[in-house]
PDB file of N, CA and C in Angstrom:
ATOM      1  N   MET A   1      -1.114  -8.140  31.811  1.00  0.00           N
ATOM      2  CA  MET A   1      -1.486  -6.985  31.212  1.00  0.00           C
ATOM      3  C   MET A   1      -1.759  -5.564  32.016  1.00  0.00           C
ATOM      4  N   GLY A   2      -1.183  -4.939  31.170  1.00  0.00           N
ATOM      5  CA  GLY A   2      -1.249  -3.216  31.849  1.00  0.00           C
ATOM      6  C   GLY A   2      -2.678  -2.731  31.107  1.00  0.00           C
ATOM      7  N   SER A   3      -2.812  -1.575  32.017  1.00  0.00           N
ATOM      8  CA  SER A   3      -3.905  -0.843  31.318  1.00  0.00           C
ATOM      9  C   SER A   3      -3.719   0.336  30.356  1.00  0.00           C
ATOM     10  N   GLY A   4      -4.877   1.068  29.863  1.00  0.00           N
ATOM     11  CA  GLY A   4      -4.589   2.288  29.006  1.00  0.00           C
ATOM     12  C   GLY A   4      -4.396   2.290  27.852  1.00  0.00           C
ATOM     13  N   ILE A   5      -4.229   3.064  26.656  1.00  0.00           N
ATOM     14  CA  ILE A   5      -4.422   2.985  25.532  1.00  0.00           C
ATOM     15  C   ILE A   5      -3.351   1.888  24.860  1.00  0.00           C
ATOM     16  N   GLY A   6      -2.424   1.562  25.434  1.00  0.00           N
ATOM     17  CA  GLY A   6      -1.822   0.541  24.592  1.00  0.00           C
ATOM     18  C   GLY A   6      -2.357  -0.930  24.769  1.00  0.00           C
ATOM     19  N   HIS A   7      -3.498  -1.322  25.454  1.00  0.00           N
ATOM     20  CA  HIS A   7      -4.206  -2.154  25.745  1.00  0.00           C
ATOM     21  C   HIS A   7      -4.960  -2.430  24.487  1.00  0.00           C
ATOM     22  N   PRO A   8      -4.963  -3.801  23.799  1.00  0.00           N
ATOM     23  CA  PRO A   8      -5.962  -3.648  22.576  1.00  0.00           C
ATOM     24  C   PRO A   8      -7.270  -3.472  22.693  1.00  0.00           C
ATOM     25  N   ALA A   9      -8.013  -3.678  23.839  1.00  0.00           N
ATOM     26  CA  ALA A   9      -9.584  -3.540  23.978  1.00  0.00           C
ATOM     27  C   ALA A   9      -9.716  -1.771  24.258  1.00  0.00           C
ATOM     28  N   ALA A  10      -8.692  -1.049  24.505  1.00  0.00           N
ATOM     29  CA  ALA A  10      -8.903   0.318  24.948  1.00  0.00           C
ATOM     30  C   ALA A  10      -8.503   0.883  23.654  1.00  0.00           C
ATOM     31  N   LEU A  11      -7.497   0.357  23.155  1.00  0.00           N
ATOM     32  CA  LEU A  11      -7.399   1.156  21.733  1.00  0.00           C
ATOM     33  C   LEU A  11      -8.664   0.648  20.317  1.00  0.00           C
ATOM     34  N   GLY A  12      -9.118  -0.429  20.591  1.00  0.00           N
ATOM     35  CA  GLY A  12     -10.385  -0.634  19.371  1.00  0.00           C
ATOM     36  C   GLY A  12     -11.172   0.098  20.062  1.00  0.00           C
ATOM     37  N   GLY A  13     -11.643   0.534  21.283  1.00  0.00           N
ATOM     38  CA  GLY A  13     -12.860   1.308  22.087  1.00  0.00           C
ATOM     39  C   GLY A  13     -12.796   2.634  21.143  1.00  0.00           C
ATOM     40  N   TYR A  14     -11.100   2.900  21.462  1.00  0.00           N
ATOM     41  CA  TYR A  14     -10.826   4.316  20.939  1.00  0.00           C
ATOM     42  C   TYR A  14     -11.186   4.430  19.637  1.00  0.00           C
ATOM     43  N   LEU A  15     -10.441   3.664  18.796  1.00  0.00           N
ATOM     44  CA  LEU A  15     -10.995   3.565  17.131  1.00  0.00           C
ATOM     45  C   LEU A  15     -12.555   3.609  16.912  1.00  0.00           C
ATOM     46  N   LEU A  16     -13.120   2.867  17.827  1.00  0.00           N
ATOM     47  CA  LEU A  16     -14.418   2.750  17.599  1.00  0.00           C
ATOM     48  C   LEU A  16     -15.627   4.527  17.509  1.00  0.00           C
ATOM     49  N   ILE A  17     -14.673   4.930  18.854  1.00  0.00           N
ATOM     50  CA  ILE A  17     -15.483   6.114  19.171  1.00  0.00           C
ATOM     51  C   ILE A  17     -15.174   7.380  18.263  1.00  0.00           C
ATOM     52  N   VAL A  18     -13.693   7.291  17.827  1.00  0.00           N
ATOM     53  CA  VAL A  18     -13.279   8.284  16.548  1.00  0.00           C
ATOM     54  C   VAL A  18     -13.891   7.812  15.196  1.00  0.00           C
ATOM     55  N   ASN A  19     -14.262   6.921  15.035  1.00  0.00           N
ATOM     56  CA  ASN A  19     -14.675   6.702  13.873  1.00  0.00           C
ATOM     57  C   ASN A  19     -15.985   6.975  13.707  1.00  0.00           C
ATOM     58  N   LEU A  20     -16.972   6.549  14.474  1.00  0.00           N
ATOM     59  CA  LEU A  20     -18.353   7.210  14.754  1.00  0.00           C
ATOM     60  C   LEU A  20     -18.580   8.626  14.792  1.00  0.00           C
ATOM     61  N   ILE A  21     -17.760   9.276  15.726  1.00  0.00           N
ATOM     62  CA  ILE A  21     -17.733  10.545  15.485  1.00  0.00           C
ATOM     63  C   ILE A  21     -17.281  11.128  14.494  1.00  0.00           C
ATOM     64  N   THR A  22     -16.135  10.432  13.595  1.00  0.00           N
ATOM     65  CA  THR A  22     -15.787  10.976  11.865  1.00  0.00           C
ATOM     66  C   THR A  22     -17.171  10.768  11.114  1.00  0.00           C
ATOM     67  N   TRP A  23     -17.478   9.785  11.556  1.00  0.00           N
ATOM     68  CA  TRP A  23     -19.017   9.681  10.288  1.00  0.00           C
ATOM     69  C   TRP A  23     -19.902  10.509  10.692  1.00  0.00           C
ATOM     70  N   LEU A  24     -19.840  10.880  11.827  1.00  0.00           N
ATOM     71  CA  LEU A  24     -21.331  11.650  12.155  1.00  0.00           C
ATOM     72  C   LEU A  24     -21.138  12.960  11.620  1.00  0.00           C
ATOM     73  N   ALA A  25     -19.720  13.277  11.837  1.00  0.00           N
ATOM     74  CA  ALA A  25     -19.489  15.007  11.443  1.00  0.00           C
ATOM     75  C   ALA A  25     -19.384  14.952   9.836  1.00  0.00           C
ATOM     76  N   PHE A  26     -19.155  14.107   9.311  1.00  0.00           N
ATOM     77  CA  PHE A  26     -19.320  13.852   7.841  1.00  0.00           C
ATOM     78  C   PHE A  26     -20.464  14.055   7.357  1.00  0.00           C
ATOM     79  N   ARG A  27     -21.410  13.444   8.060  1.00  0.00           N
ATOM     80  CA  ARG A  27     -23.000  13.616   7.325  1.00  0.00           C
ATOM     81  C   ARG A  27     -23.421  14.785   7.830  1.00  0.00           C
ATOM     82  N   ARG A  28     -23.255  15.339   9.115  1.00  0.00           N
ATOM     83  CA  ARG A  28     -23.668  16.427   9.640  1.00  0.00           C
ATOM     84  C   ARG A  28     -23.372  17.441   8.216  1.00  0.00           C
ATOM     85  N   ASP A  29     -21.785  17.564   7.916  1.00  0.00           N
ATOM     86  CA  ASP A  29     -21.674  18.605   7.009  1.00  0.00           C
ATOM     87  C   ASP A  29     -22.083  18.017   5.741  1.00  0.00           C
ATOM     88  N   LYS A  30     -22.419  16.771   5.418  1.00  0.00           N
ATOM     89  CA  LYS A  30     -23.231  17.018   4.062  1.00  0.00           C
ATOM     90  C   LYS A  30     -24.346  17.180   4.158  1.00  0.00           C
ATOM     91  N   ARG A  31     -25.422  17.355   5.204  1.00  0.00           N
ATOM     92  CA  ARG A  31     -26.625  17.596   5.213  1.00  0.00           C
ATOM     93  C   ARG A  31     -26.822  19.116   5.127  1.00  0.00           C
ATOM     94  N   ARG A  32     -25.900  19.594   5.861  1.00  0.00           N
ATOM     95  CA  ARG A  32     -25.446  20.980   6.154  1.00  0.00           C
ATOM     96  C   ARG A  32     -25.236  21.565   5.008  1.00  0.00           C
ATOM     97  N   SER A  33     -24.607  21.174   4.098  1.00  0.00           N
ATOM     98  CA  SER A  33     -24.391  21.577   2.619  1.00  0.00           C
ATOM     99  C   SER A  33     -25.494  21.685   1.415  1.00  0.00           C
ATOM    100  N   GLU A  34     -26.030  20.656   1.792  1.00  0.00           N
ATOM    101  CA  GLU A  34     -27.168  20.601   1.319  1.00  0.00           C
ATOM    102  C   GLU A  34     -28.492  21.848   1.844  1.00  0.00           C
ATOM    103  N   THR A  35     -28.502  22.026   2.864  1.00  0.00           N
ATOM    104  CA  THR A  35     -29.134  22.975   3.284  1.00  0.00           C
ATOM    105  C   THR A  35     -28.475  24.523   3.398  1.00  0.00           C
ATOM    106  N   ARG A  36     -27.010  24.848   2.734  1.00  0.00           N
ATOM    107  CA  ARG A  36     -26.273  25.891   2.750  1.00  0.00           C
ATOM    108  C   ARG A  36     -26.797  26.630   4.194  1.00  0.00           C
ATOM    109  N   ASP A  37     -26.386  25.373   5.381  1.00  0.00           N
ATOM    110  CA  ASP A  37     -26.383  25.954   6.657  1.00  0.00           C
ATOM    111  C   ASP A  37     -24.840  26.200   6.925  1.00  0.00           C
ATOM    112  N   TRP A  38     -24.375  26.510   7.711  1.00  0.00           N
ATOM    113  CA  TRP A  38     -23.122  26.669   8.769  1.00  0.00           C
ATOM    114  C   TRP A  38     -22.353  25.104   8.573  1.00  0.00           C
ATOM    115  N   ARG A  39     -21.194  25.223   7.633  1.00  0.00           N
ATOM    116  CA  ARG A  39     -20.432  24.211   7.468  1.00  0.00           C
ATOM    117  C   ARG A  39     -19.190  23.670   8.396  1.00  0.00           C
ATOM    118  N   THR A  40     -19.071  22.473   8.906  1.00  0.00           N
ATOM    119  CA  THR A  40     -17.842  21.884   9.599  1.00  0.00           C
ATOM    120  C   THR A  40     -16.354  22.394   8.837  1.00  0.00           C
ATOM    121  N   PRO A  41     -15.714  23.396   9.194  1.00  0.00           N
ATOM    122  CA  PRO A  41     -14.199  23.279   8.845  1.00  0.00           C
ATOM    123  C   PRO A  41     -13.444  22.184   8.121  1.00  0.00           C
ATOM    124  N   GLU A  42     -12.884  21.780   7.274  1.00  0.00           N
ATOM    125  CA  GLU A  42     -12.063  20.944   6.399  1.00  0.00           C
ATOM    126  C   GLU A  42     -11.183  20.521   7.409  1.00  0.00           C
ATOM    127  N   LYS A  43     -10.743  21.643   8.012  1.00  0.00           N
ATOM    128  CA  LYS A  43      -9.325  21.391   9.128  1.00  0.00           C
ATOM    129  C   LYS A  43     -10.031  20.440  10.166  1.00  0.00           C
ATOM    130  N   ARG A  44     -11.071  20.380  10.749  1.00  0.00           N
ATOM    131  CA  ARG A  44     -11.631  19.747  11.693  1.00  0.00           C
ATOM    132  C   ARG A  44     -12.029  18.223  10.917  1.00  0.00           C
ATOM    133  N   LEU A  45     -12.273  18.196  10.062  1.00  0.00           N
ATOM    134  CA  LEU A  45     -12.561  16.731   9.455  1.00  0.00           C
ATOM    135  C   LEU A  45     -11.922  15.927   8.962  1.00  0.00           C
ATOM    136  N   LEU A  46     -10.435  16.881   8.516  1.00  0.00           N
ATOM    137  CA  LEU A  46      -8.984  16.122   8.644  1.00  0.00           C
ATOM    138  C   LEU A  46      -8.595  15.798   9.839  1.00  0.00           C
ATOM    139  N   THR A  47      -8.798  16.577  10.954  1.00  0.00           N
ATOM    140  CA  THR A  47      -7.790  16.252  12.301  1.00  0.00           C
ATOM    141  C   THR A  47      -8.830  15.246  12.344  1.00  0.00           C
ATOM    142  N   LEU A  48     -10.107  14.974  12.326  1.00  0.00           N
ATOM    143  CA  LEU A  48     -10.606  13.602  13.040  1.00  0.00           C
ATOM    144  C   LEU A  48      -9.940  12.318  12.291  1.00  0.00           C
ATOM    145  N   ALA A  49      -9.619  12.622  10.731  1.00  0.00           N
ATOM    146  CA  ALA A  49      -9.373  11.429   9.869  1.00  0.00           C
ATOM    147  C   ALA A  49      -7.655  11.088  10.542  1.00  0.00           C
ATOM    148  N   ILE A  50      -7.204  12.020  10.938  1.00  0.00           N
ATOM    149  CA  ILE A  50      -5.724  12.045  11.349  1.00  0.00           C
ATOM    150  C   ILE A  50      -5.469  11.492  12.486  1.00  0.00           C
ATOM    151  N   ILE A  51      -6.285  11.790  13.792  1.00  0.00           N
ATOM    152  CA  ILE A  51      -6.212  10.939  14.835  1.00  0.00           C
ATOM    153  C   ILE A  51      -7.107   9.700  15.208  1.00  0.00           C
ATOM    154  N   GLY A  52      -7.583   8.830  13.799  1.00  0.00           N
ATOM    155  CA  GLY A  52      -8.020   7.705  13.745  1.00  0.00           C
ATOM    156  C   GLY A  52      -9.041   7.295  13.089  1.00  0.00           C
ATOM    157  N   GLY A  53      -9.832   8.401  12.616  1.00  0.00           N
ATOM    158  CA  GLY A  53     -11.027   8.142  12.284  1.00  0.00           C
ATOM    159  C   GLY A  53     -11.147   7.969  10.834  1.00  0.00           C
ATOM    160  N   TRP A  54      -9.960   7.921   9.895  1.00  0.00           N
ATOM    161  CA  TRP A  54      -9.653   8.147   8.057  1.00  0.00           C
ATOM    162  C   TRP A  54     -10.376   6.763   7.592  1.00  0.00           C
ATOM    163  N   PRO A  55     -10.394   5.427   8.334  1.00  0.00           N
ATOM    164  CA  PRO A  55     -11.691   4.765   7.595  1.00  0.00           C
ATOM    165  C   PRO A  55     -13.081   5.062   7.259  1.00  0.00           C
ATOM    166  N   ALA A  56     -13.717   6.049   8.662  1.00  0.00           N
ATOM    167  CA  ALA A  56     -15.053   6.311   8.509  1.00  0.00           C
ATOM    168  C   ALA A  56     -15.001   7.427   7.628  1.00  0.00           C
ATOM    169  N   ALA A  57     -14.031   8.349   7.614  1.00  0.00           N
ATOM    170  CA  ALA A  57     -13.750   9.467   6.772  1.00  0.00           C
ATOM    171  C   ALA A  57     -14.106   9.011   5.065  1.00  0.00           C
ATOM    172  N   LYS A  58     -13.024   7.883   5.145  1.00  0.00           N
ATOM    173  CA  LYS A  58     -13.119   7.494   3.321  1.00  0.00           C
ATOM    174  C   LYS A  58     -14.834   7.046   3.217  1.00  0.00           C
ATOM    175  N   LEU A  59     -14.801   5.854   4.082  1.00  0.00           N
ATOM    176  CA  LEU A  59     -16.372   5.155   3.674  1.00  0.00           C
ATOM    177  C   LEU A  59     -17.590   6.628   3.830  1.00  0.00           C
ATOM    178  N   ALA A  60     -17.217   7.787   4.521  1.00  0.00           N
ATOM    179  CA  ALA A  60     -18.759   8.943   4.203  1.00  0.00           C
ATOM    180  C   ALA A  60     -18.289   9.570   3.029  1.00  0.00           C
ATOM    181  N   GLN A  61     -16.850   9.683   2.780  1.00  0.00           N
ATOM    182  CA  GLN A  61     -16.596  10.438   1.398  1.00  0.00           C
ATOM    183  C   GLN A  61     -17.220   9.568  -0.002  1.00  0.00           C
ATOM    184  N   ARG A  62     -17.145   8.670   0.185  1.00  0.00           N
ATOM    185  CA  ARG A  62     -17.715   7.597  -0.846  1.00  0.00           C
ATOM    186  C   ARG A  62     -19.398   7.353  -0.700  1.00  0.00           C
ATOM    187  N   TRP A  63     -20.014   6.893   0.561  1.00  0.00           N
ATOM    188  CA  TRP A  63     -21.206   6.815   0.518  1.00  0.00           C
ATOM    189  C   TRP A  63     -22.078   7.434   0.419  1.00  0.00           C
ATOM    190  N   LEU A  64     -21.684   9.026   1.005  1.00  0.00           N
ATOM    191  CA  LEU A  64     -22.502  10.163   1.252  1.00  0.00           C
ATOM    192  C   LEU A  64     -22.299  11.154   0.397  1.00  0.00           C
ATOM    193  N   ARG A  65     -21.097  10.474  -0.770  1.00  0.00           N
ATOM    194  CA  ARG A  65     -20.910  11.332  -1.610  1.00  0.00           C
ATOM    195  C   ARG A  65     -20.588  13.244  -1.288  1.00  0.00           C
ATOM    196  N   HIS A  66     -19.453  12.972  -0.322  1.00  0.00           N
ATOM    197  CA  HIS A  66     -19.368  14.141  -0.023  1.00  0.00           C
ATOM    198  C   HIS A  66     -17.683  14.393   0.054  1.00  0.00           C
ATOM    199  N   LYS A  67     -17.764  15.421  -0.477  1.00  0.00           N
ATOM    200  CA  LYS A  67     -16.248  16.234  -0.641  1.00  0.00           C
ATOM    201  C   LYS A  67     -15.216  14.930  -1.552  1.00  0.00           C
ATOM    202  N   THR A  68     -15.663  14.571  -2.431  1.00  0.00           N
ATOM    203  CA  THR A  68     -15.230  13.868  -3.327  1.00  0.00           C
ATOM    204  C   THR A  68     -14.422  14.348  -4.474  1.00  0.00           C
ATOM    205  N   ARG A  69     -15.240  15.581  -4.689  1.00  0.00           N
ATOM    206  CA  ARG A  69     -14.309  16.571  -6.028  1.00  0.00           C
ATOM    207  C   ARG A  69     -13.767  17.590  -5.549  1.00  0.00           C
ATOM    208  N   LYS A  70     -13.719  17.672  -4.004  1.00  0.00           N
ATOM    209  CA  LYS A  70     -13.135  19.064  -3.302  1.00  0.00           C
ATOM    210  C   LYS A  70     -11.602  18.987  -3.502  1.00  0.00           C
ATOM    211  N   GLN A  71     -10.637  19.561  -3.817  1.00  0.00           N
ATOM    212  CA  GLN A  71      -9.524  19.577  -3.833  1.00  0.00           C
ATOM    213  C   GLN A  71      -9.143  20.858  -3.092  1.00  0.00           C
ATOM    214  N   PRO A  72      -7.991  21.060  -2.046  1.00  0.00           N
ATOM    215  CA  PRO A  72      -6.981  19.697  -2.007  1.00  0.00           C
ATOM    216  C   PRO A  72      -7.523  18.972  -1.061  1.00  0.00           C
ATOM    217  N   PHE A  73      -9.189  18.971  -0.303  1.00  0.00           N
ATOM    218  CA  PHE A  73      -9.784  17.878   0.518  1.00  0.00           C
ATOM    219  C   PHE A  73      -9.371  16.848   0.167  1.00  0.00           C
ATOM    220  N   ALA A  74      -9.365  16.163  -0.799  1.00  0.00           N
ATOM    221  CA  ALA A  74      -9.710  14.880  -1.320  1.00  0.00           C
ATOM    222  C   ALA A  74      -8.378  14.069  -1.274  1.00  0.00           C
ATOM    223  N   TRP A  75      -7.345  14.561  -1.734  1.00  0.00           N
ATOM    224  CA  TRP A  75      -6.049  14.422  -2.151  1.00  0.00           C
ATOM    225  C   TRP A  75      -5.129  14.153  -0.616  1.00  0.00           C
ATOM    226  N   GLN A  76      -5.261  15.374   0.105  1.00  0.00           N
ATOM    227  CA  GLN A  76      -5.115  15.164   2.058  1.00  0.00           C
ATOM    228  C   GLN A  76      -5.530  14.293   2.533  1.00  0.00           C
ATOM    229  N   LEU A  77      -6.999  13.956   2.360  1.00  0.00           N
ATOM    230  CA  LEU A  77      -7.443  12.783   2.928  1.00  0.00           C
ATOM    231  C   LEU A  77      -7.083  11.392   2.433  1.00  0.00           C
ATOM    232  N   ASN A  78      -6.648  11.147   1.156  1.00  0.00           N
ATOM    233  CA  ASN A  78      -6.145  10.155   0.606  1.00  0.00           C
ATOM    234  C   ASN A  78      -4.822  10.310   1.141  1.00  0.00           C
ATOM    235  N   LEU A  79      -3.668  11.094   1.551  1.00  0.00           N
ATOM    236  CA  LEU A  79      -2.352  11.148   2.141  1.00  0.00           C
ATOM    237  C   LEU A  79      -2.362  10.679   3.785  1.00  0.00           C
ATOM    238  N   ILE A  80      -3.370  11.043   4.160  1.00  0.00           N
ATOM    239  CA  ILE A  80      -3.388  10.370   5.563  1.00  0.00           C
ATOM    240  C   ILE A  80      -3.762   9.415   5.915  1.00  0.00           C
ATOM    241  N   GLY A  81      -4.646   8.392   4.833  1.00  0.00           N
ATOM    242  CA  GLY A  81      -4.763   7.024   4.604  1.00  0.00           C
ATOM    243  C   GLY A  81      -3.640   6.393   4.091  1.00  0.00           C
ATOM    244  N   ILE A  82      -2.797   7.044   3.516  1.00  0.00           N
ATOM    245  CA  ILE A  82      -1.345   6.438   2.998  1.00  0.00           C
ATOM    246  C   ILE A  82      -0.553   6.573   4.490  1.00  0.00           C
ATOM    247  N   ALA A  83      -0.188   7.402   5.079  1.00  0.00           N
ATOM    248  CA  ALA A  83       0.742   7.830   6.359  1.00  0.00           C
ATOM    249  C   ALA A  83      -0.135   6.488   7.315  1.00  0.00           C
ATOM    250  N   TRP A  84      -1.625   6.489   7.819  1.00  0.00           N
ATOM    251  CA  TRP A  84      -2.017   5.447   8.052  1.00  0.00           C
ATOM    252  C   TRP A  84      -1.472   4.037   8.032  1.00  0.00           C
ATOM    253  N   GLY A  85      -1.323   3.792   6.791  1.00  0.00           N
ATOM    254  CA  GLY A  85      -1.045   2.675   6.020  1.00  0.00           C
ATOM    255  C   GLY A  85       0.519   2.206   6.351  1.00  0.00           C
ATOM    256  N   TRP A  86       1.385   3.207   6.476  1.00  0.00           N
ATOM    257  CA  TRP A  86       2.907   3.185   6.695  1.00  0.00           C
ATOM    258  C   TRP A  86       3.092   2.956   7.733  1.00  0.00           C
ATOM    259  N   ALA A  87       2.036   3.857   8.774  1.00  0.00           N
ATOM    260  CA  ALA A  87       2.248   3.343  10.235  1.00  0.00           C
ATOM    261  C   ALA A  87       2.248   2.116  10.755  1.00  0.00           C
ATOM    262  N   LEU A  88       0.943   1.486  10.185  1.00  0.00           N
ATOM    263  CA  LEU A  88       0.403   0.271  10.493  1.00  0.00           C
ATOM    264  C   LEU A  88       1.673  -0.751  10.169  1.00  0.00           C
ATOM    265  N   ALA A  89       2.003  -0.533   8.863  1.00  0.00           N
ATOM    266  CA  ALA A  89       2.964  -1.585   8.766  1.00  0.00           C
ATOM    267  C   ALA A  89       4.379  -1.892   9.177  1.00  0.00           C
ATOM    268  N   PHE A  90       4.734  -0.081   9.916  1.00  0.00           N
ATOM    269  CA  PHE A  90       5.822  -0.297  10.497  1.00  0.00           C
ATOM    270  C   PHE A  90       5.814  -0.903  11.638  1.00  0.00           C
ATOM    271  N   LEU A  91       4.542  -0.610  12.627  1.00  0.00           N
ATOM    272  CA  LEU A  91       4.154  -1.235  13.959  1.00  0.00           C
ATOM    273  C   LEU A  91       4.388  -2.878  13.705  1.00  0.00           C
ATOM    274  N   ALA A  92       3.371  -3.293  12.673  1.00  0.00           N
ATOM    275  CA  ALA A  92       3.387  -4.747  12.312  1.00  0.00           C
ATOM    276  C   ALA A  92       4.523  -5.103  12.350  1.00  0.00           C
ATOM    277  N   ILE A  93       5.913  -4.694  11.332  1.00  0.00           N
ATOM    278  CA  ILE A  93       6.900  -5.320  11.323  1.00  0.00           C
ATOM    279  C   ILE A  93       8.050  -5.054  12.488  1.00  0.00           C
ATOM    280  N   ALA A  94       7.695  -4.145  13.143  1.00  0.00           N
ATOM    281  CA  ALA A  94       8.471  -3.900  14.634  1.00  0.00           C
ATOM    282  C   ALA A  94       7.888  -5.261  15.575  1.00  0.00           C
ATOM    283  N   ALA A  95       6.814  -5.009  15.608  1.00  0.00           N
ATOM    284  CA  ALA A  95       5.900  -6.011  16.530  1.00  0.00           C
ATOM    285  C   ALA A  95       6.491  -7.390  16.390  1.00  0.00           C
ATOM    286  N   LEU A  96       6.792  -8.044  15.041  1.00  0.00           N
ATOM    287  CA  LEU A  96       7.565  -9.489  14.655  1.00  0.00           C
ATOM    288  C   LEU A  96       9.117  -9.203  14.769  1.00  0.00           C
ATOM    289  N   LEU A  97       9.533  -8.297  14.689  1.00  0.00           N
ATOM    290  CA  LEU A  97      10.724  -8.338  15.309  1.00  0.00           C
ATOM    291  C   LEU A  97      11.548  -8.336  16.524  1.00  0.00           C
ATOM    292  N   ALA A  98      10.332  -8.080  17.703  1.00  0.00           N
ATOM    293  CA  ALA A  98      10.135  -8.027  18.766  1.00  0.00           C
ATOM    294  C   ALA A  98      10.029  -9.127  19.236  1.00  0.00           C
ATOM    295  N   ARG A  99       9.531 -10.247  18.363  1.00  0.00           N
ATOM    296  CA  ARG A  99       9.214 -11.442  19.283  1.00  0.00           C
ATOM    297  C   ARG A  99      10.364 -12.107  19.432  1.00  0.00           C
ATOM    298  N   PRO A 100      10.479 -13.214  20.330  1.00  0.00           N
ATOM    299  CA  PRO A 100      11.650 -13.523  20.417  1.00  0.00           C
ATOM    300  C   PRO A 100      11.979 -14.997  19.779  1.00  0.00           C
TER     301      PRO A 100
END
């Protein structure tokens, strides 16, 4: 077994950290929207979703009721989720086909 991001524990740790950061970013942005303070740019929130924080972004969107009606943000976040789904399906199929 090698080390690095390909190792399941490293990948799991990475995704845990990215999702925690994503949740906190959405929560902070929601609180700042309520106080009319400086906001987190949508581009940054979407970037966190792209790099692996999509599950936390979607949960935060629903549970915090944040950016649910904001377009095009809402459909862009859904599109990122679809892309992640296709990527995971591709990796799963590739792993199955690579088995002896």
